[in-house]
Amino acid sequence: RVYGEIFTTSAETDKALKDIELLAQKFTKYGVAVADTMKMAADVAATGKQGADLMNQVSNATRLAVLGGIDQQKSLDTIISLTSTFGVASKDLANNIDFLNAVENQTVTSLDDITTAIPKVAPVIKQLGGNVEDLAYFITAMKEGGVNAAEGANALKSGLSSLINPTDKATAMFKKLGSNIQDIVL
């Protein structure tokens, strides 16, 4: 199952394993151990990715890890959040990583900050119609205000979730002010 499904032939499995090994060898020039890349590939395969999607996710997660000087597992969690929550296609991952790298290069926000925040707050941002760029802007604003990424992500998650599902007390207070908070959600 790691490199295929029940109908995958042993030749196809062997080819997939060989492709991952070749990819792992390429990443050694960036200081990434072959064993680490192989483990990441197994983790990606366990999510159901195969073939080009598997290779693309492994490549982009490793690229993110190298660019940000972060743990490969943390970068993989970010890639999984980008693809599953925001619906980023495997072929578009490189553009998203380029954007996140530009955020790191031009702001106080590091890739470590962003990869900490994305898995925590991505579902709420997506539910409100946002995307990874919106999330990066929010985290950068928080960082510039002196709030670390983990606390900022938790604050965004909590605050935005309250907008999505306001309490009866909040709804009543807004009605007293002449506003219907439910209109914000719609």
C-alpha atoms as a PDB file:
ATOM      1  CA  ARG A   1       0.000   0.000   0.000  1.00  0.00           C
ATOM      2  CA  VAL A   2       2.881   2.375   0.655  1.00  0.00           C
ATOM      3  CA  TYR A   3       3.695   2.870  -3.025  1.00  0.00           C
ATOM      4  CA  GLY A   4       0.478   1.814  -4.660  1.00  0.00           C
ATOM      5  CA  GLU A   5      -2.776   0.036  -4.066  1.00  0.00           C
ATOM      6  CA  ILE A   6      -4.076  -3.512  -4.209  1.00  0.00           C
ATOM      7  CA  PHE A   7      -3.919  -3.569  -8.015  1.00  0.00           C
ATOM      8  CA  THR A   8      -0.411  -2.106  -8.249  1.00  0.00           C
ATOM      9  CA  THR A   9       2.002  -4.622  -9.736  1.00  0.00           C
ATOM     10  CA  SER A  10       5.298  -5.396  -8.073  1.00  0.00           C
ATOM     11  CA  ALA A  11       7.079  -3.845 -11.087  1.00  0.00           C
ATOM     12  CA  GLU A  12       5.163  -0.582 -10.556  1.00  0.00           C
ATOM     13  CA  THR A  13       5.967  -0.670  -6.848  1.00  0.00           C
ATOM     14  CA  ASP A  14       9.652  -1.267  -7.585  1.00  0.00           C
ATOM     15  CA  LYS A  15       9.687   1.625 -10.065  1.00  0.00           C
ATOM     16  CA  ALA A  16       8.039   3.958  -7.526  1.00  0.00           C
ATOM     17  CA  LEU A  17      10.575   2.960  -4.894  1.00  0.00           C
ATOM     18  CA  LYS A  18      13.449   3.487  -7.342  1.00  0.00           C
ATOM     19  CA  ASP A  19      12.090   6.943  -8.286  1.00  0.00           C
ATOM     20  CA  ILE A  20      11.916   7.925  -4.618  1.00  0.00           C
ATOM     21  CA  GLU A  21      15.462   6.662  -4.041  1.00  0.00           C
ATOM     22  CA  LEU A  22      16.717   8.770  -6.978  1.00  0.00           C
ATOM     23  CA  LEU A  23      14.894  11.807  -5.615  1.00  0.00           C
ATOM     24  CA  ALA A  24      16.352  11.154  -2.166  1.00  0.00           C
ATOM     25  CA  GLN A  25      19.853  11.027  -3.650  1.00  0.00           C
ATOM     26  CA  LYS A  26      19.299  14.447  -5.262  1.00  0.00           C
ATOM     27  CA  PHE A  27      18.323  15.971  -1.914  1.00  0.00           C
ATOM     28  CA  THR A  28      21.527  14.829  -0.213  1.00  0.00           C
ATOM     29  CA  LYS A  29      23.297  17.834  -1.768  1.00  0.00           C
ATOM     30  CA  TYR A  30      21.077  20.000   0.457  1.00  0.00           C
ATOM     31  CA  GLY A  31      21.965  18.009   3.561  1.00  0.00           C
ATOM     32  CA  VAL A  32      18.824  15.889   3.616  1.00  0.00           C
ATOM     33  CA  ALA A  33      19.443  12.262   4.531  1.00  0.00           C
ATOM     34  CA  VAL A  34      18.174   9.592   2.155  1.00  0.00           C
ATOM     35  CA  ALA A  35      16.419   7.883   5.075  1.00  0.00           C
ATOM     36  CA  ASP A  36      14.532  11.100   5.889  1.00  0.00           C
ATOM     37  CA  THR A  37      13.302  11.479   2.312  1.00  0.00           C
ATOM     38  CA  MET A  38      12.296   7.823   2.178  1.00  0.00           C
ATOM     39  CA  LYS A  39      10.340   8.197   5.432  1.00  0.00           C
ATOM     40  CA  MET A  40       8.625  11.307   4.107  1.00  0.00           C
ATOM     41  CA  ALA A  41       7.701   9.471   0.909  1.00  0.00           C
ATOM     42  CA  ALA A  42       6.174   6.663   2.961  1.00  0.00           C
ATOM     43  CA  ASP A  43       4.195   9.240   4.983  1.00  0.00           C
ATOM     44  CA  VAL A  44       2.930  10.911   1.794  1.00  0.00           C
ATOM     45  CA  ALA A  45       2.050   7.536   0.266  1.00  0.00           C
ATOM     46  CA  ALA A  46       0.105   6.703   3.419  1.00  0.00           C
ATOM     47  CA  THR A  47      -2.128   9.706   2.686  1.00  0.00           C
ATOM     48  CA  GLY A  48      -3.108   8.051  -0.598  1.00  0.00           C
ATOM     49  CA  LYS A  49      -0.804   9.916  -2.975  1.00  0.00           C
ATOM     50  CA  GLN A  50       0.807   7.948  -5.781  1.00  0.00           C
ATOM     51  CA  GLY A  51       2.963   8.542  -8.819  1.00  0.00           C
ATOM     52  CA  ALA A  52       3.533  12.157  -9.826  1.00  0.00           C
ATOM     53  CA  ASP A  53       1.466  13.516  -6.916  1.00  0.00           C
ATOM     54  CA  LEU A  54       3.588  11.592  -4.428  1.00  0.00           C
ATOM     55  CA  MET A  55       6.832  12.769  -6.015  1.00  0.00           C
ATOM     56  CA  ASN A  56       5.591  16.344  -6.189  1.00  0.00           C
ATOM     57  CA  GLN A  57       4.537  16.443  -2.545  1.00  0.00           C
ATOM     58  CA  VAL A  58       7.821  14.917  -1.384  1.00  0.00           C
ATOM     59  CA  SER A  59       9.810  17.348  -3.535  1.00  0.00           C
ATOM     60  CA  ASN A  60       7.883  20.383  -2.367  1.00  0.00           C
ATOM     61  CA  ALA A  61       7.859  19.394   1.295  1.00  0.00           C
ATOM     62  CA  THR A  62      11.613  18.870   1.158  1.00  0.00           C
ATOM     63  CA  ARG A  63      12.080  22.175  -0.676  1.00  0.00           C
ATOM     64  CA  LEU A  64      10.032  23.953   2.000  1.00  0.00           C
ATOM     65  CA  ALA A  65      12.061  22.273   4.741  1.00  0.00           C
ATOM     66  CA  VAL A  66      15.368  23.281   3.143  1.00  0.00           C
ATOM     67  CA  LEU A  67      14.277  26.865   2.392  1.00  0.00           C
ATOM     68  CA  GLY A  68      12.949  27.419   5.895  1.00  0.00           C
ATOM     69  CA  GLY A  69      15.515  25.377   7.768  1.00  0.00           C
ATOM     70  CA  ILE A  70      12.648  23.456   9.354  1.00  0.00           C
ATOM     71  CA  ASP A  71      11.886  19.856  10.181  1.00  0.00           C
ATOM     72  CA  GLN A  72      10.698  17.736   7.255  1.00  0.00           C
ATOM     73  CA  GLN A  73       7.668  16.492   9.195  1.00  0.00           C
ATOM     74  CA  LYS A  74       6.570  20.060   9.891  1.00  0.00           C
ATOM     75  CA  SER A  75       6.948  20.949   6.217  1.00  0.00           C
ATOM     76  CA  LEU A  76       5.002  17.827   5.239  1.00  0.00           C
ATOM     77  CA  ASP A  77       2.168  18.782   7.606  1.00  0.00           C
ATOM     78  CA  THR A  78       2.092  22.178   5.887  1.00  0.00           C
ATOM     79  CA  ILE A  79       2.000  20.632   2.410  1.00  0.00           C
ATOM     80  CA  ILE A  80      -0.808  18.301   3.483  1.00  0.00           C
ATOM     81  CA  SER A  81      -2.757  21.285   4.851  1.00  0.00           C
ATOM     82  CA  LEU A  82      -2.219  23.229   1.634  1.00  0.00           C
ATOM     83  CA  THR A  83      -3.492  20.375  -0.508  1.00  0.00           C
ATOM     84  CA  SER A  84      -6.288  19.075   1.692  1.00  0.00           C
ATOM     85  CA  THR A  85      -7.621  22.272   3.271  1.00  0.00           C
ATOM     86  CA  PHE A  86      -6.987  24.883   0.600  1.00  0.00           C
ATOM     87  CA  GLY A  87      -7.314  22.433  -2.282  1.00  0.00           C
ATOM     88  CA  VAL A  88      -3.960  23.396  -3.771  1.00  0.00           C
ATOM     89  CA  ALA A  89      -3.191  20.999  -6.613  1.00  0.00           C
ATOM     90  CA  SER A  90       0.133  19.193  -6.443  1.00  0.00           C
ATOM     91  CA  LYS A  91       1.256  21.004  -9.586  1.00  0.00           C
ATOM     92  CA  ASP A  92       0.608  24.382  -7.888  1.00  0.00           C
ATOM     93  CA  LEU A  93       2.524  23.664  -4.692  1.00  0.00           C
ATOM     94  CA  ALA A  94       5.732  25.213  -6.024  1.00  0.00           C
ATOM     95  CA  ASN A  95       3.970  28.559  -6.588  1.00  0.00           C
ATOM     96  CA  ASN A  96       2.629  28.514  -3.039  1.00  0.00           C
ATOM     97  CA  ILE A  97       6.063  27.737  -1.632  1.00  0.00           C
ATOM     98  CA  ASP A  98       7.528  30.571  -3.723  1.00  0.00           C
ATOM     99  CA  PHE A  99       4.933  32.922  -2.207  1.00  0.00           C
ATOM    100  CA  LEU A 100       5.664  31.723   1.335  1.00  0.00           C
ATOM    101  CA  ASN A 101       9.400  32.116   0.728  1.00  0.00           C
ATOM    102  CA  ALA A 102       8.798  35.669  -0.528  1.00  0.00           C
ATOM    103  CA  VAL A 103       6.833  36.401   2.650  1.00  0.00           C
ATOM    104  CA  GLU A 104       9.808  35.185   4.676  1.00  0.00           C
ATOM    105  CA  ASN A 105      12.261  37.256   2.629  1.00  0.00           C
ATOM    106  CA  GLN A 106      10.230  40.480   2.761  1.00  0.00           C
ATOM    107  CA  THR A 107       8.637  40.471   6.220  1.00  0.00           C
ATOM    108  CA  VAL A 108       9.325  39.588   9.841  1.00  0.00           C
ATOM    109  CA  THR A 109       7.549  36.272   9.316  1.00  0.00           C
ATOM    110  CA  SER A 110       9.691  33.169   8.871  1.00  0.00           C
ATOM    111  CA  LEU A 111       8.786  29.948   7.103  1.00  0.00           C
ATOM    112  CA  ASP A 112       8.899  28.336  10.534  1.00  0.00           C
ATOM    113  CA  ASP A 113       6.195  30.787  11.663  1.00  0.00           C
ATOM    114  CA  ILE A 114       4.058  30.048   8.630  1.00  0.00           C
ATOM    115  CA  THR A 115       4.460  26.286   8.870  1.00  0.00           C
ATOM    116  CA  THR A 116       3.471  26.510  12.531  1.00  0.00           C
ATOM    117  CA  ALA A 117       0.324  28.471  11.704  1.00  0.00           C
ATOM    118  CA  ILE A 118      -0.989  26.772   8.559  1.00  0.00           C
ATOM    119  CA  PRO A 119      -2.022  23.415  10.043  1.00  0.00           C
ATOM    120  CA  LYS A 120      -3.655  25.167  13.024  1.00  0.00           C
ATOM    121  CA  VAL A 121      -5.748  27.850  11.351  1.00  0.00           C
ATOM    122  CA  ALA A 122      -6.092  26.841   7.695  1.00  0.00           C
ATOM    123  CA  PRO A 123      -9.537  25.212   8.031  1.00  0.00           C
ATOM    124  CA  VAL A 124     -11.062  28.336   9.588  1.00  0.00           C
ATOM    125  CA  ILE A 125      -9.483  30.661   7.020  1.00  0.00           C
ATOM    126  CA  LYS A 126     -10.756  28.400   4.224  1.00  0.00           C
ATOM    127  CA  GLN A 127     -14.251  28.252   5.734  1.00  0.00           C
ATOM    128  CA  LEU A 128     -14.407  32.053   5.560  1.00  0.00           C
ATOM    129  CA  GLY A 129     -13.365  31.996   1.902  1.00  0.00           C
ATOM    130  CA  GLY A 130      -9.693  32.765   2.456  1.00  0.00           C
ATOM    131  CA  ASN A 131      -6.578  31.187   1.043  1.00  0.00           C
ATOM    132  CA  VAL A 132      -2.950  30.653   1.982  1.00  0.00           C
ATOM    133  CA  GLU A 133      -2.074  34.231   1.025  1.00  0.00           C
ATOM    134  CA  ASP A 134      -4.704  35.581   3.424  1.00  0.00           C
ATOM    135  CA  LEU A 135      -3.368  33.347   6.161  1.00  0.00           C
ATOM    136  CA  ALA A 136       0.189  34.597   5.554  1.00  0.00           C
ATOM    137  CA  TYR A 137      -0.988  38.221   5.736  1.00  0.00           C
ATOM    138  CA  PHE A 138      -2.787  37.578   9.033  1.00  0.00           C
ATOM    139  CA  ILE A 139       0.229  35.842  10.583  1.00  0.00           C
ATOM    140  CA  THR A 140       2.554  38.590   9.365  1.00  0.00           C
ATOM    141  CA  ALA A 141       0.312  41.260  10.895  1.00  0.00           C
ATOM    142  CA  MET A 142       0.326  39.353  14.183  1.00  0.00           C
ATOM    143  CA  LYS A 143       4.118  38.955  14.088  1.00  0.00           C
ATOM    144  CA  GLU A 144       4.567  42.658  13.398  1.00  0.00           C
ATOM    145  CA  GLY A 145       2.383  43.304  16.450  1.00  0.00           C
ATOM    146  CA  GLY A 146       4.677  41.181  18.605  1.00  0.00           C
ATOM    147  CA  VAL A 147       2.553  38.025  18.700  1.00  0.00           C
ATOM    148  CA  ASN A 148       4.384  34.776  17.959  1.00  0.00           C
ATOM    149  CA  ALA A 149       3.064  32.502  15.223  1.00  0.00           C
ATOM    150  CA  ALA A 150       1.615  29.791  17.449  1.00  0.00           C
ATOM    151  CA  GLU A 151      -0.270  32.293  19.607  1.00  0.00           C
ATOM    152  CA  GLY A 152      -1.341  34.244  16.513  1.00  0.00           C
ATOM    153  CA  ALA A 153      -2.663  31.106  14.844  1.00  0.00           C
ATOM    154  CA  ASN A 154      -4.589  30.147  17.967  1.00  0.00           C
ATOM    155  CA  ALA A 155      -5.992  33.679  18.281  1.00  0.00           C
ATOM    156  CA  LEU A 156      -7.050  33.705  14.633  1.00  0.00           C
ATOM    157  CA  LYS A 157      -8.596  30.280  14.947  1.00  0.00           C
ATOM    158  CA  SER A 158     -10.532  31.245  18.057  1.00  0.00           C
ATOM    159  CA  GLY A 159     -11.588  34.703  16.872  1.00  0.00           C
ATOM    160  CA  LEU A 160     -12.577  33.685  13.365  1.00  0.00           C
ATOM    161  CA  SER A 161     -14.370  30.587  14.649  1.00  0.00           C
ATOM    162  CA  SER A 162     -16.417  32.876  16.883  1.00  0.00           C
ATOM    163  CA  LEU A 163     -17.479  34.811  13.795  1.00  0.00           C
ATOM    164  CA  ILE A 164     -18.489  31.627  12.023  1.00  0.00           C
ATOM    165  CA  ASN A 165     -20.444  30.319  14.998  1.00  0.00           C
ATOM    166  CA  PRO A 166     -21.291  33.250  17.302  1.00  0.00           C
ATOM    167  CA  THR A 167     -22.708  32.628  20.744  1.00  0.00           C
ATOM    168  CA  ASP A 168     -26.248  33.657  21.582  1.00  0.00           C
ATOM    169  CA  LYS A 169     -24.837  36.338  23.871  1.00  0.00           C
ATOM    170  CA  ALA A 170     -22.692  37.801  21.072  1.00  0.00           C
ATOM    171  CA  THR A 171     -25.617  37.700  18.657  1.00  0.00           C
ATOM    172  CA  ALA A 172     -27.839  39.541  21.158  1.00  0.00           C
ATOM    173  CA  MET A 173     -25.148  42.167  21.829  1.00  0.00           C
ATOM    174  CA  PHE A 174     -24.706  42.870  18.121  1.00  0.00           C
ATOM    175  CA  LYS A 175     -28.491  43.182  17.702  1.00  0.00           C
ATOM    176  CA  LYS A 176     -28.496  45.840  20.438  1.00  0.00           C
ATOM    177  CA  LEU A 177     -25.888  47.711  18.380  1.00  0.00           C
ATOM    178  CA  GLY A 178     -28.133  47.477  15.330  1.00  0.00           C
ATOM    179  CA  SER A 179     -26.134  44.824  13.508  1.00  0.00           C
ATOM    180  CA  ASN A 180     -26.824  41.209  12.695  1.00  0.00           C
ATOM    181  CA  ILE A 181     -23.637  39.204  13.186  1.00  0.00           C
ATOM    182  CA  GLN A 182     -25.189  36.300  11.245  1.00  0.00           C
ATOM    183  CA  ASP A 183     -25.014  38.495   8.105  1.00  0.00           C
ATOM    184  CA  ILE A 184     -21.212  38.475   8.406  1.00  0.00           C
ATOM    185  CA  VAL A 185     -21.097  34.701   8.155  1.00  0.00           C
ATOM    186  CA  LEU A 186     -23.366  34.510   5.126  1.00  0.00           C
END
